[in-house]
Amino acid sequence: MPVKYFILTNNPMVLEKYGDEKDVRFFDLDFKGIIEKGSEMISENYKLLTHPLSGSIKPMATRYKSMLFQKKPLDKPDTWSVKLISSALQSLDKFEDQSYKHTKQNLEDFSLVDYTLIASAISSAEMR
């Protein structure tokens, strides 16, 4: 049976591509803000299904991030999810936000990279 999930994102392309057919929770936040929103979801007992720092782009170099969460909350916070998001937040503190330096084309490229990563995760989740 496929995993039931929702997409947490700050990427307009993900909202545009999946907004009509999937449960997309879009927030107009910067990279760190969407990771922090993911931390809030975990504190509300949602299980993280994708790594918050997936891809090979340095944290804080891009503006966009999309993550999958299990749709039905658990009875208590998932230990693995808590550790993973906490580690991601600690990692972010090591990097300077560089997303403001990007051109429109750079941002479109980063948006496409994030979309591609989450599309692959969605495909995997739906095959489980």
N, C-alpha and C. Protein backbone atom coordinates (compact mmCIF):
# COMPACT_ATOMS: atom_id res chain seq x y z
N MET A 1 0.85 -1.18 0.00
CA MET A 1 0.00 0.00 0.00
C MET A 1 0.89 1.24 0.00
N PRO A 2 0.64 2.19 -0.88
CA PRO A 2 1.46 3.41 -0.94
C PRO A 2 1.37 4.22 0.36
N VAL A 3 2.44 4.90 0.68
CA VAL A 3 2.49 5.76 1.85
C VAL A 3 1.64 6.99 1.58
N LYS A 4 0.80 7.36 2.53
CA LYS A 4 0.03 8.60 2.40
C LYS A 4 0.88 9.72 2.97
N TYR A 5 1.02 10.79 2.21
CA TYR A 5 1.97 11.84 2.56
C TYR A 5 1.42 13.21 2.19
N PHE A 6 2.10 14.23 2.70
CA PHE A 6 1.88 15.58 2.21
C PHE A 6 3.24 16.18 1.91
N ILE A 7 3.23 17.20 1.07
CA ILE A 7 4.45 17.88 0.66
C ILE A 7 4.50 19.22 1.38
N LEU A 8 5.59 19.44 2.10
CA LEU A 8 5.86 20.73 2.71
C LEU A 8 6.88 21.42 1.82
N THR A 9 6.57 22.63 1.36
CA THR A 9 7.46 23.28 0.40
C THR A 9 7.39 24.80 0.47
N ASN A 10 8.45 25.40 -0.02
CA ASN A 10 8.46 26.84 -0.27
C ASN A 10 8.74 27.10 -1.75
N ASN A 11 8.64 26.06 -2.55
CA ASN A 11 8.98 26.12 -3.97
C ASN A 11 7.71 26.31 -4.81
N PRO A 12 7.57 27.47 -5.45
CA PRO A 12 6.38 27.72 -6.28
C PRO A 12 6.20 26.70 -7.40
N MET A 13 7.29 26.15 -7.93
CA MET A 13 7.17 25.16 -9.00
C MET A 13 6.51 23.87 -8.48
N VAL A 14 6.86 23.47 -7.28
CA VAL A 14 6.25 22.28 -6.68
C VAL A 14 4.75 22.52 -6.47
N LEU A 15 4.41 23.69 -5.98
CA LEU A 15 2.99 24.04 -5.81
C LEU A 15 2.27 24.03 -7.15
N GLU A 16 2.89 24.61 -8.16
CA GLU A 16 2.28 24.67 -9.49
C GLU A 16 2.09 23.28 -10.08
N LYS A 17 3.10 22.41 -9.96
CA LYS A 17 3.04 21.08 -10.58
C LYS A 17 2.13 20.12 -9.83
N TYR A 18 2.10 20.22 -8.50
CA TYR A 18 1.38 19.23 -7.70
C TYR A 18 0.17 19.78 -6.94
N GLY A 19 -0.01 21.08 -6.92
CA GLY A 19 -1.05 21.70 -6.10
C GLY A 19 -2.46 21.20 -6.34
N ASP A 20 -2.78 20.82 -7.57
CA ASP A 20 -4.14 20.37 -7.87
C ASP A 20 -4.36 18.88 -7.60
N GLU A 21 -3.27 18.11 -7.49
CA GLU A 21 -3.44 16.66 -7.37
C GLU A 21 -2.90 16.06 -6.08
N LYS A 22 -2.09 16.81 -5.34
CA LYS A 22 -1.47 16.31 -4.11
C LYS A 22 -1.78 17.25 -2.96
N ASP A 23 -1.52 16.79 -1.75
CA ASP A 23 -1.65 17.62 -0.56
C ASP A 23 -0.34 18.41 -0.42
N VAL A 24 -0.36 19.65 -0.90
CA VAL A 24 0.83 20.52 -0.86
C VAL A 24 0.58 21.61 0.16
N ARG A 25 1.51 21.73 1.09
CA ARG A 25 1.44 22.78 2.11
C ARG A 25 2.56 23.77 1.82
N PHE A 26 2.18 24.85 1.18
CA PHE A 26 3.13 25.85 0.70
C PHE A 26 3.25 27.00 1.68
N PHE A 27 4.49 27.39 1.96
CA PHE A 27 4.77 28.54 2.81
C PHE A 27 5.82 29.40 2.12
N ASP A 28 5.58 30.68 2.04
CA ASP A 28 6.52 31.61 1.42
C ASP A 28 7.59 31.98 2.45
N LEU A 29 8.52 31.06 2.66
CA LEU A 29 9.59 31.20 3.63
C LEU A 29 10.94 31.02 2.94
N ASP A 30 12.00 31.47 3.59
CA ASP A 30 13.34 31.20 3.05
C ASP A 30 13.72 29.76 3.40
N PHE A 31 14.92 29.34 3.02
CA PHE A 31 15.36 27.97 3.21
C PHE A 31 15.30 27.56 4.68
N LYS A 32 15.91 28.37 5.53
CA LYS A 32 15.91 28.04 6.96
C LYS A 32 14.49 28.03 7.51
N GLY A 33 13.66 28.96 7.05
CA GLY A 33 12.28 29.02 7.52
C GLY A 33 11.49 27.76 7.19
N ILE A 34 11.71 27.19 6.02
CA ILE A 34 10.95 25.97 5.66
C ILE A 34 11.47 24.77 6.44
N ILE A 35 12.77 24.75 6.75
CA ILE A 35 13.30 23.68 7.61
C ILE A 35 12.71 23.83 9.01
N GLU A 36 12.63 25.05 9.51
CA GLU A 36 12.01 25.28 10.82
C GLU A 36 10.53 24.89 10.81
N LYS A 37 9.84 25.14 9.71
CA LYS A 37 8.43 24.73 9.58
C LYS A 37 8.36 23.19 9.61
N GLY A 38 9.32 22.54 9.00
CA GLY A 38 9.39 21.07 9.08
C GLY A 38 9.57 20.60 10.51
N SER A 39 10.38 21.32 11.26
CA SER A 39 10.57 21.00 12.68
C SER A 39 9.25 21.13 13.44
N GLU A 40 8.48 22.14 13.11
CA GLU A 40 7.15 22.30 13.72
C GLU A 40 6.25 21.11 13.40
N MET A 41 6.30 20.66 12.15
CA MET A 41 5.48 19.51 11.75
C MET A 41 5.86 18.28 12.56
N ILE A 42 7.16 18.10 12.77
CA ILE A 42 7.63 16.95 13.55
C ILE A 42 7.16 17.08 15.00
N SER A 43 7.18 18.30 15.54
CA SER A 43 6.69 18.49 16.91
C SER A 43 5.19 18.25 17.02
N GLU A 44 4.50 18.29 15.89
CA GLU A 44 3.06 17.96 15.84
C GLU A 44 2.85 16.48 15.52
N ASN A 45 3.94 15.70 15.61
CA ASN A 45 3.95 14.23 15.48
C ASN A 45 3.85 13.72 14.04
N TYR A 46 4.16 14.56 13.07
CA TYR A 46 4.24 14.08 11.70
C TYR A 46 5.63 13.49 11.47
N LYS A 47 5.67 12.38 10.76
CA LYS A 47 6.94 11.69 10.49
C LYS A 47 7.54 12.21 9.19
N LEU A 48 8.80 12.58 9.24
CA LEU A 48 9.53 13.04 8.07
C LEU A 48 9.87 11.84 7.19
N LEU A 49 9.60 11.93 5.91
CA LEU A 49 9.87 10.83 4.98
C LEU A 49 11.06 11.09 4.08
N THR A 50 11.52 12.33 3.99
CA THR A 50 12.68 12.66 3.15
C THR A 50 13.68 13.46 3.97
N HIS A 51 14.92 13.38 3.58
CA HIS A 51 15.98 14.10 4.30
C HIS A 51 15.83 15.60 4.06
N PRO A 52 15.91 16.41 5.12
CA PRO A 52 15.73 17.85 4.94
C PRO A 52 16.88 18.54 4.19
N LEU A 53 18.01 17.87 4.05
CA LEU A 53 19.14 18.45 3.32
C LEU A 53 19.53 17.58 2.14
N SER A 54 18.54 16.97 1.49
CA SER A 54 18.81 16.12 0.34
C SER A 54 19.38 16.92 -0.82
N GLY A 55 20.07 16.25 -1.70
CA GLY A 55 20.69 16.91 -2.85
C GLY A 55 22.12 17.29 -2.51
N SER A 56 22.83 17.75 -3.49
CA SER A 56 24.24 18.09 -3.26
C SER A 56 24.48 19.59 -3.28
N ILE A 57 23.43 20.35 -3.02
CA ILE A 57 23.57 21.81 -2.95
C ILE A 57 23.83 22.17 -1.50
N LYS A 58 24.82 23.03 -1.28
CA LYS A 58 25.12 23.46 0.08
C LYS A 58 23.90 24.09 0.71
N PRO A 59 23.66 23.75 1.99
CA PRO A 59 22.56 24.42 2.68
C PRO A 59 22.75 25.93 2.64
N MET A 60 21.69 26.64 2.53
CA MET A 60 21.66 28.10 2.50
C MET A 60 22.16 28.69 1.18
N ALA A 61 22.55 27.85 0.23
CA ALA A 61 22.95 28.36 -1.09
C ALA A 61 21.73 28.46 -2.01
N THR A 62 20.71 27.73 -1.68
CA THR A 62 19.47 27.75 -2.46
C THR A 62 18.34 28.32 -1.61
N ARG A 63 17.29 28.71 -2.22
CA ARG A 63 16.15 29.23 -1.49
C ARG A 63 15.10 28.17 -1.26
N TYR A 64 15.08 27.13 -2.10
CA TYR A 64 13.96 26.21 -2.13
C TYR A 64 14.22 24.87 -1.46
N LYS A 65 13.18 24.37 -0.80
CA LYS A 65 13.25 23.07 -0.16
C LYS A 65 11.85 22.49 -0.09
N SER A 66 11.75 21.24 -0.45
CA SER A 66 10.50 20.49 -0.34
C SER A 66 10.79 19.20 0.41
N MET A 67 9.87 18.82 1.27
CA MET A 67 10.02 17.60 2.07
C MET A 67 8.69 16.86 2.10
N LEU A 68 8.77 15.54 2.22
CA LEU A 68 7.58 14.72 2.38
C LEU A 68 7.41 14.35 3.84
N PHE A 69 6.16 14.38 4.28
CA PHE A 69 5.80 13.96 5.63
C PHE A 69 4.66 12.96 5.54
N GLN A 70 4.67 11.99 6.44
CA GLN A 70 3.56 11.05 6.54
C GLN A 70 2.30 11.83 6.89
N LYS A 71 1.23 11.54 6.19
CA LYS A 71 0.00 12.33 6.34
C LYS A 71 -0.66 12.18 7.71
N LYS A 72 -0.68 10.97 8.23
CA LYS A 72 -1.34 10.75 9.52
C LYS A 72 -0.32 10.94 10.64
N PRO A 73 -0.61 11.85 11.58
CA PRO A 73 0.33 12.05 12.68
C PRO A 73 0.42 10.80 13.56
N LEU A 74 1.58 10.64 14.18
CA LEU A 74 1.82 9.54 15.11
C LEU A 74 1.31 9.93 16.50
N ASP A 75 1.37 9.00 17.43
CA ASP A 75 0.95 9.29 18.81
C ASP A 75 1.97 10.15 19.55
N LYS A 76 3.21 10.11 19.10
CA LYS A 76 4.29 10.89 19.71
C LYS A 76 5.31 11.22 18.63
N PRO A 77 6.19 12.17 18.88
CA PRO A 77 7.20 12.53 17.86
C PRO A 77 8.08 11.33 17.49
N ASP A 78 8.36 11.19 16.22
CA ASP A 78 9.23 10.14 15.71
C ASP A 78 10.68 10.49 16.03
N THR A 79 11.37 9.63 16.75
CA THR A 79 12.74 9.89 17.20
C THR A 79 13.68 10.16 16.03
N TRP A 80 13.57 9.37 14.98
CA TRP A 80 14.45 9.54 13.82
C TRP A 80 14.21 10.91 13.18
N SER A 81 12.96 11.30 13.04
CA SER A 81 12.63 12.60 12.45
C SER A 81 13.17 13.74 13.28
N VAL A 82 13.04 13.64 14.60
CA VAL A 82 13.54 14.68 15.51
C VAL A 82 15.05 14.83 15.35
N LYS A 83 15.76 13.70 15.35
CA LYS A 83 17.23 13.74 15.20
C LYS A 83 17.63 14.33 13.86
N LEU A 84 16.96 13.93 12.82
CA LEU A 84 17.30 14.38 11.47
C LEU A 84 17.07 15.88 11.30
N ILE A 85 15.95 16.38 11.74
CA ILE A 85 15.66 17.81 11.57
C ILE A 85 16.54 18.64 12.48
N SER A 86 16.84 18.14 13.68
CA SER A 86 17.72 18.85 14.60
C SER A 86 19.12 18.97 14.01
N SER A 87 19.59 17.88 13.43
CA SER A 87 20.91 17.88 12.78
C SER A 87 20.94 18.85 11.60
N ALA A 88 19.86 18.88 10.83
CA ALA A 88 19.78 19.79 9.69
C ALA A 88 19.83 21.24 10.16
N LEU A 89 19.08 21.56 11.22
CA LEU A 89 19.07 22.93 11.74
C LEU A 89 20.45 23.33 12.26
N GLN A 90 21.15 22.41 12.90
CA GLN A 90 22.51 22.69 13.37
C GLN A 90 23.45 22.94 12.18
N SER A 91 23.28 22.17 11.13
CA SER A 91 24.11 22.34 9.94
C SER A 91 23.90 23.71 9.30
N LEU A 92 22.67 24.18 9.30
CA LEU A 92 22.36 25.47 8.68
C LEU A 92 23.11 26.61 9.35
N ASP A 93 23.34 26.47 10.64
CA ASP A 93 24.04 27.53 11.37
C ASP A 93 25.50 27.68 10.94
N LYS A 94 26.01 26.69 10.23
CA LYS A 94 27.40 26.72 9.77
C LYS A 94 27.56 27.46 8.45
N PHE A 95 26.45 27.78 7.80
CA PHE A 95 26.48 28.38 6.47
C PHE A 95 25.82 29.75 6.45
N GLU A 96 26.36 30.63 5.65
CA GLU A 96 25.78 31.95 5.44
C GLU A 96 24.70 31.85 4.37
N ASP A 97 23.60 32.55 4.57
CA ASP A 97 22.54 32.59 3.57
C ASP A 97 23.07 33.29 2.32
N GLN A 98 23.08 32.58 1.21
CA GLN A 98 23.56 33.14 -0.05
C GLN A 98 22.47 33.23 -1.10
N SER A 99 21.26 32.87 -0.74
CA SER A 99 20.19 32.83 -1.73
C SER A 99 19.85 34.22 -2.27
N TYR A 100 20.11 35.25 -1.49
CA TYR A 100 19.81 36.61 -1.94
C TYR A 100 20.71 37.06 -3.08
N LYS A 101 21.80 36.36 -3.31
CA LYS A 101 22.77 36.74 -4.34
C LYS A 101 22.39 36.23 -5.73
N HIS A 102 21.39 35.39 -5.83
CA HIS A 102 21.09 34.72 -7.08
C HIS A 102 20.28 35.57 -8.05
N THR A 103 20.54 35.32 -9.32
CA THR A 103 19.75 35.94 -10.38
C THR A 103 18.43 35.17 -10.52
N LYS A 104 17.54 35.72 -11.28
CA LYS A 104 16.26 35.05 -11.54
C LYS A 104 16.50 33.67 -12.16
N GLN A 105 17.46 33.57 -13.07
CA GLN A 105 17.76 32.29 -13.71
C GLN A 105 18.30 31.28 -12.70
N ASN A 106 19.18 31.73 -11.78
CA ASN A 106 19.69 30.84 -10.74
C ASN A 106 18.55 30.29 -9.90
N LEU A 107 17.63 31.18 -9.52
CA LEU A 107 16.51 30.75 -8.69
C LEU A 107 15.62 29.76 -9.43
N GLU A 108 15.42 29.97 -10.71
CA GLU A 108 14.64 29.02 -11.52
C GLU A 108 15.35 27.67 -11.57
N ASP A 109 16.67 27.70 -11.70
CA ASP A 109 17.44 26.45 -11.72
C ASP A 109 17.34 25.72 -10.39
N PHE A 110 17.48 26.44 -9.28
CA PHE A 110 17.36 25.82 -7.96
C PHE A 110 15.95 25.29 -7.73
N SER A 111 14.95 25.99 -8.23
CA SER A 111 13.57 25.54 -8.13
C SER A 111 13.40 24.21 -8.87
N LEU A 112 13.98 24.11 -10.05
CA LEU A 112 13.89 22.88 -10.84
C LEU A 112 14.62 21.72 -10.14
N VAL A 113 15.77 21.99 -9.55
CA VAL A 113 16.51 20.94 -8.84
C VAL A 113 15.66 20.41 -7.69
N ASP A 114 15.10 21.30 -6.89
CA ASP A 114 14.27 20.89 -5.77
C ASP A 114 13.04 20.11 -6.26
N TYR A 115 12.41 20.59 -7.31
CA TYR A 115 11.26 19.90 -7.88
C TYR A 115 11.64 18.48 -8.32
N THR A 116 12.78 18.34 -8.97
CA THR A 116 13.23 17.03 -9.44
C THR A 116 13.47 16.08 -8.27
N LEU A 117 14.08 16.59 -7.20
CA LEU A 117 14.34 15.76 -6.02
C LEU A 117 13.03 15.30 -5.38
N ILE A 118 12.08 16.20 -5.23
CA ILE A 118 10.83 15.82 -4.57
C ILE A 118 9.99 14.92 -5.49
N ALA A 119 10.07 15.12 -6.79
CA ALA A 119 9.35 14.25 -7.72
C ALA A 119 9.84 12.81 -7.59
N SER A 120 11.15 12.64 -7.42
CA SER A 120 11.71 11.31 -7.23
C SER A 120 11.24 10.70 -5.91
N ALA A 121 11.20 11.51 -4.87
CA ALA A 121 10.72 11.03 -3.57
C ALA A 121 9.25 10.63 -3.64
N ILE A 122 8.46 11.42 -4.35
CA ILE A 122 7.04 11.12 -4.51
C ILE A 122 6.86 9.80 -5.24
N SER A 123 7.63 9.61 -6.29
CA SER A 123 7.56 8.36 -7.04
C SER A 123 7.88 7.16 -6.14
N SER A 124 8.90 7.29 -5.31
CA SER A 124 9.26 6.22 -4.38
C SER A 124 8.16 5.97 -3.36
N ALA A 125 7.60 7.04 -2.82
CA ALA A 125 6.54 6.92 -1.80
C ALA A 125 5.32 6.22 -2.39
N GLU A 126 5.02 6.48 -3.63
CA GLU A 126 3.83 5.91 -4.24
C GLU A 126 4.03 4.46 -4.67
N MET A 127 5.27 4.01 -4.72
CA MET A 127 5.55 2.61 -5.08
C MET A 127 5.61 1.71 -3.85
N ARG A 128 5.64 2.29 -2.67
CA ARG A 128 5.73 1.46 -1.43
C ARG A 128 4.47 0.72 -1.19
